[in-house]
N, C-alpha and C. Protein backbone atom coordinates (compact mmCIF):
# COMPACT_ATOMS: atom_id res chain seq x y z
N UNK A 1 -6.86 -30.62 -37.03
CA UNK A 1 -5.92 -31.02 -36.20
C UNK A 1 -5.99 -29.97 -35.13
N UNK A 2 -5.44 -30.63 -33.81
CA UNK A 2 -5.78 -30.10 -32.35
C UNK A 2 -4.29 -29.37 -32.31
N UNK A 3 -3.97 -27.78 -31.87
CA UNK A 3 -2.90 -27.57 -31.74
C UNK A 3 -2.63 -27.75 -30.13
N UNK A 4 -1.39 -28.27 -29.52
CA UNK A 4 -1.01 -28.62 -28.34
C UNK A 4 -0.27 -27.54 -27.68
N UNK A 5 -0.45 -26.55 -26.75
CA UNK A 5 0.52 -25.74 -26.51
C UNK A 5 1.35 -26.19 -25.14
N UNK A 6 2.60 -25.98 -25.60
CA UNK A 6 3.71 -26.93 -24.96
C UNK A 6 3.69 -26.68 -23.90
N UNK A 7 3.01 -25.51 -23.14
CA UNK A 7 3.45 -25.07 -21.27
C UNK A 7 1.79 -25.60 -21.10
N UNK A 8 1.28 -26.24 -21.93
CA UNK A 8 -0.46 -26.86 -21.26
C UNK A 8 -0.33 -28.31 -21.92
N UNK A 9 0.58 -29.19 -21.66
CA UNK A 9 0.70 -30.41 -22.27
C UNK A 9 -0.39 -31.54 -21.25
N UNK A 10 -0.83 -31.11 -19.93
CA UNK A 10 -1.30 -32.01 -19.10
C UNK A 10 -2.65 -31.63 -18.45
N UNK A 11 -3.00 -30.30 -19.30
CA UNK A 11 -4.38 -29.53 -18.79
C UNK A 11 -5.15 -29.10 -19.95
N UNK A 12 -6.55 -29.22 -19.75
CA UNK A 12 -7.47 -28.99 -20.79
C UNK A 12 -7.21 -27.25 -20.65
N UNK A 13 -6.88 -26.45 -21.62
CA UNK A 13 -7.24 -24.85 -21.62
C UNK A 13 -8.40 -24.58 -21.43
N UNK A 14 -9.22 -24.95 -22.04
CA UNK A 14 -10.68 -24.03 -22.14
C UNK A 14 -11.37 -24.50 -20.69
N UNK A 15 -10.82 -25.74 -19.81
CA UNK A 15 -11.48 -25.59 -18.60
C UNK A 15 -10.80 -24.74 -17.94
N UNK A 16 -9.47 -24.53 -17.90
CA UNK A 16 -8.94 -23.74 -17.34
C UNK A 16 -9.15 -22.08 -17.32
N UNK A 17 -9.60 -21.51 -18.54
CA UNK A 17 -10.11 -20.27 -18.64
C UNK A 17 -11.27 -20.34 -18.14
N UNK A 18 -11.88 -20.82 -17.79
CA UNK A 18 -13.35 -20.63 -17.12
C UNK A 18 -13.25 -20.06 -15.68
N UNK A 19 -12.08 -20.06 -15.00
CA UNK A 19 -11.89 -19.53 -13.56
C UNK A 19 -10.55 -18.72 -13.54
N UNK A 20 -10.75 -18.01 -12.50
CA UNK A 20 -9.63 -16.78 -12.13
C UNK A 20 -8.41 -17.52 -12.24
N UNK A 21 -8.53 -18.37 -11.15
CA UNK A 21 -7.44 -19.07 -10.46
C UNK A 21 -6.70 -20.30 -11.87
N UNK A 22 -7.73 -20.72 -12.88
CA UNK A 22 -7.13 -21.49 -13.86
C UNK A 22 -6.67 -20.52 -14.92
N UNK A 23 -6.85 -19.23 -15.07
CA UNK A 23 -6.04 -18.20 -16.10
C UNK A 23 -5.21 -17.70 -15.33
N UNK A 24 -4.72 -17.81 -13.82
CA UNK A 24 -3.36 -17.31 -13.53
C UNK A 24 -2.47 -18.71 -13.57
N UNK A 25 -3.09 -19.75 -13.58
CA UNK A 25 -2.23 -21.30 -13.67
C UNK A 25 -2.11 -21.08 -15.02
N UNK A 26 -2.53 -20.46 -16.19
CA UNK A 26 -1.66 -20.67 -17.65
C UNK A 26 -0.85 -19.73 -17.63
N UNK A 27 -1.27 -17.96 -17.02
CA UNK A 27 -0.23 -17.16 -17.15
C UNK A 27 1.18 -17.94 -16.49
N UNK A 28 1.15 -18.16 -15.43
CA UNK A 28 2.39 -18.98 -14.73
C UNK A 28 2.81 -19.74 -15.43
N UNK A 29 2.09 -20.62 -16.13
CA UNK A 29 3.12 -21.96 -17.38
C UNK A 29 3.67 -21.22 -18.10
N UNK A 30 3.04 -19.87 -18.36
CA UNK A 30 3.79 -19.45 -19.85
C UNK A 30 4.87 -18.85 -19.48
N UNK A 31 4.76 -18.27 -18.44
CA UNK A 31 5.95 -17.37 -17.86
C UNK A 31 7.46 -18.53 -17.32
N UNK A 32 7.03 -19.54 -16.56
CA UNK A 32 7.57 -20.85 -16.29
C UNK A 32 8.29 -21.71 -17.64
N UNK A 33 7.46 -21.65 -18.62
CA UNK A 33 7.95 -22.78 -19.82
C UNK A 33 8.05 -22.10 -20.83
N UNK A 34 7.74 -20.72 -21.17
CA UNK A 34 7.62 -19.96 -22.29
C UNK A 34 5.96 -19.93 -22.94
N UNK A 35 6.12 -19.00 -23.67
CA UNK A 35 4.57 -18.68 -24.55
C UNK A 35 4.60 -19.87 -25.80
N UNK A 36 3.64 -19.70 -26.40
CA UNK A 36 3.62 -20.81 -27.38
C UNK A 36 3.99 -19.93 -28.74
N UNK A 37 4.45 -20.66 -30.08
CA UNK A 37 4.51 -19.91 -31.02
C UNK A 37 3.86 -19.06 -31.73
N UNK A 38 4.06 -17.42 -31.56
CA UNK A 38 3.49 -16.30 -31.84
C UNK A 38 2.58 -15.67 -30.79
N UNK A 39 2.80 -16.36 -29.54
CA UNK A 39 2.06 -15.82 -28.41
C UNK A 39 2.73 -14.67 -27.55
N UNK A 40 2.28 -13.86 -27.10
CA UNK A 40 3.05 -12.64 -26.22
C UNK A 40 2.32 -12.79 -24.64
N UNK A 41 2.97 -12.66 -23.87
CA UNK A 41 2.50 -12.73 -22.21
C UNK A 41 2.12 -11.15 -21.73
N UNK A 42 0.81 -10.91 -21.24
CA UNK A 42 0.44 -9.70 -21.20
C UNK A 42 1.02 -8.84 -19.62
N UNK A 43 1.95 -8.20 -19.95
CA UNK A 43 2.49 -7.45 -18.65
C UNK A 43 1.38 -7.22 -17.83
N UNK A 44 0.31 -6.34 -17.95
CA UNK A 44 -0.65 -5.98 -17.31
C UNK A 44 -1.14 -7.11 -16.43
N UNK A 45 -1.43 -8.47 -16.86
CA UNK A 45 -1.81 -9.35 -16.24
C UNK A 45 -0.66 -9.74 -15.18
N UNK A 46 0.70 -9.86 -15.84
CA UNK A 46 1.72 -10.25 -14.85
C UNK A 46 2.09 -9.40 -13.46
N UNK A 47 1.48 -8.10 -13.76
CA UNK A 47 1.63 -7.17 -12.50
C UNK A 47 0.75 -7.35 -11.73
N UNK A 48 -0.81 -7.60 -12.19
CA UNK A 48 -1.78 -7.50 -11.28
C UNK A 48 -1.57 -9.15 -10.54
N UNK A 49 -1.39 -10.18 -11.16
CA UNK A 49 -1.84 -11.50 -10.49
C UNK A 49 0.09 -11.61 -9.79
N UNK A 50 1.10 -11.04 -9.90
CA UNK A 50 2.18 -11.36 -9.44
C UNK A 50 2.61 -12.25 -8.19
N UNK A 51 1.73 -11.77 -7.11
CA UNK A 51 1.81 -12.08 -5.80
C UNK A 51 1.31 -13.69 -5.69
N UNK A 52 0.42 -13.91 -6.63
CA UNK A 52 -0.08 -15.03 -6.61
C UNK A 52 0.38 -16.61 -7.68
N UNK A 53 1.71 -15.77 -8.09
CA UNK A 53 2.71 -17.30 -9.07
C UNK A 53 3.50 -17.67 -8.05
N UNK A 54 3.55 -18.95 -8.69
CA UNK A 54 4.45 -19.96 -8.34
C UNK A 54 5.65 -20.02 -8.96
N UNK A 55 6.48 -19.01 -9.42
CA UNK A 55 7.96 -18.98 -10.53
C UNK A 55 8.73 -19.96 -10.07
N UNK A 56 9.90 -20.19 -10.83
CA UNK A 56 10.94 -20.62 -10.61
C UNK A 56 12.08 -19.31 -9.75
N UNK A 57 12.66 -20.08 -8.66
CA UNK A 57 13.18 -18.53 -8.05
C UNK A 57 14.03 -17.62 -8.91
N UNK A 58 14.89 -18.09 -9.53
CA UNK A 58 15.59 -17.39 -10.26
C UNK A 58 15.10 -16.68 -11.62
N UNK A 59 14.34 -17.09 -11.88
CA UNK A 59 13.29 -16.46 -13.12
C UNK A 59 12.66 -15.35 -12.20
N UNK A 60 12.04 -15.71 -11.10
CA UNK A 60 11.04 -14.53 -10.45
C UNK A 60 12.36 -13.28 -10.31
N UNK A 61 13.46 -13.72 -9.58
CA UNK A 61 14.41 -12.43 -9.30
C UNK A 61 14.62 -11.44 -10.80
N UNK A 62 14.76 -12.43 -11.85
CA UNK A 62 15.43 -11.87 -13.05
C UNK A 62 14.22 -10.97 -13.96
N UNK A 63 12.48 -11.29 -13.57
CA UNK A 63 11.52 -10.75 -14.08
C UNK A 63 11.51 -9.65 -13.04
N UNK A 64 11.57 -9.51 -11.55
CA UNK A 64 11.51 -8.52 -11.10
C UNK A 64 12.03 -7.80 -11.15
N UNK A 65 13.29 -7.59 -11.30
CA UNK A 65 14.40 -6.43 -12.27
C UNK A 65 14.35 -6.19 -13.57
N UNK A 66 13.42 -6.94 -14.39
CA UNK A 66 13.18 -6.16 -15.64
C UNK A 66 11.65 -5.67 -15.62
N UNK A 67 10.89 -5.96 -14.76
CA UNK A 67 9.68 -5.12 -14.84
C UNK A 67 9.64 -4.15 -13.87
N UNK A 68 10.07 -4.13 -12.63
CA UNK A 68 9.94 -3.14 -11.98
C UNK A 68 11.45 -2.44 -11.51
N UNK A 69 12.45 -2.73 -12.26
CA UNK A 69 13.68 -2.18 -11.97
C UNK A 69 14.44 -2.52 -10.61
N UNK A 70 14.01 -3.39 -9.70
CA UNK A 70 14.35 -3.47 -8.18
C UNK A 70 13.96 -5.00 -8.09
N UNK A 71 14.51 -5.68 -6.81
CA UNK A 71 13.93 -6.88 -6.48
C UNK A 71 12.74 -6.55 -5.48
N UNK A 72 11.47 -7.52 -5.52
CA UNK A 72 10.40 -7.08 -4.76
C UNK A 72 10.63 -8.66 -3.51
N UNK A 73 11.46 -9.70 -3.82
CA UNK A 73 11.11 -10.63 -3.13
C UNK A 73 12.44 -11.06 -2.48
N UNK A 74 12.61 -11.95 -1.50
CA UNK A 74 14.04 -11.97 -1.11
C UNK A 74 14.40 -13.51 -1.36
N UNK A 75 15.80 -13.77 -1.94
CA UNK A 75 16.04 -14.81 -2.50
C UNK A 75 16.65 -15.69 -0.99
N UNK A 76 15.81 -17.15 -1.05
CA UNK A 76 15.93 -17.61 0.09
C UNK A 76 17.23 -18.67 -0.34
N UNK A 77 18.51 -18.58 0.29
CA UNK A 77 19.53 -19.80 0.00
C UNK A 77 19.38 -21.00 0.74
N UNK A 78 19.89 -22.30 0.20
CA UNK A 78 19.99 -23.29 0.81
C UNK A 78 21.55 -23.03 1.67
N UNK A 79 21.44 -23.15 2.96
CA UNK A 79 22.65 -22.93 3.92
C UNK A 79 24.26 -23.83 3.44
N UNK A 80 23.41 -25.05 2.70
CA UNK A 80 24.51 -26.21 2.26
C UNK A 80 25.29 -25.82 1.39
N UNK A 81 25.14 -24.38 0.42
CA UNK A 81 25.98 -24.16 -0.48
C UNK A 81 26.68 -22.81 -0.39
N UNK A 82 26.61 -22.57 0.72
CA UNK A 82 27.40 -21.40 1.38
C UNK A 82 28.06 -21.59 2.36
N UNK A 83 29.34 -20.75 2.28
CA UNK A 83 30.67 -20.78 3.31
C UNK A 83 30.26 -19.84 3.92
N UNK A 84 30.61 -20.00 5.33
CA UNK A 84 31.04 -19.38 6.34
C UNK A 84 32.14 -18.46 6.59
């Protein structure tokens, strides 16, 4: 029986693990969609590759606050949602 990880439904994990870019992509997917059952996200790897991730904006801000205790990035607002 093949166990499919829900955050990698459209990619072959063994192929991705062969390159650094692929490993970063797997980690990014784990952060955005949640790790599989019984899996944990390695904090040291998250810190190492933080600037290379393409994360959901609100999730990125929350994780910055939880990991470093402060915001490292600026939140870009869509002007159509803000009143002047």
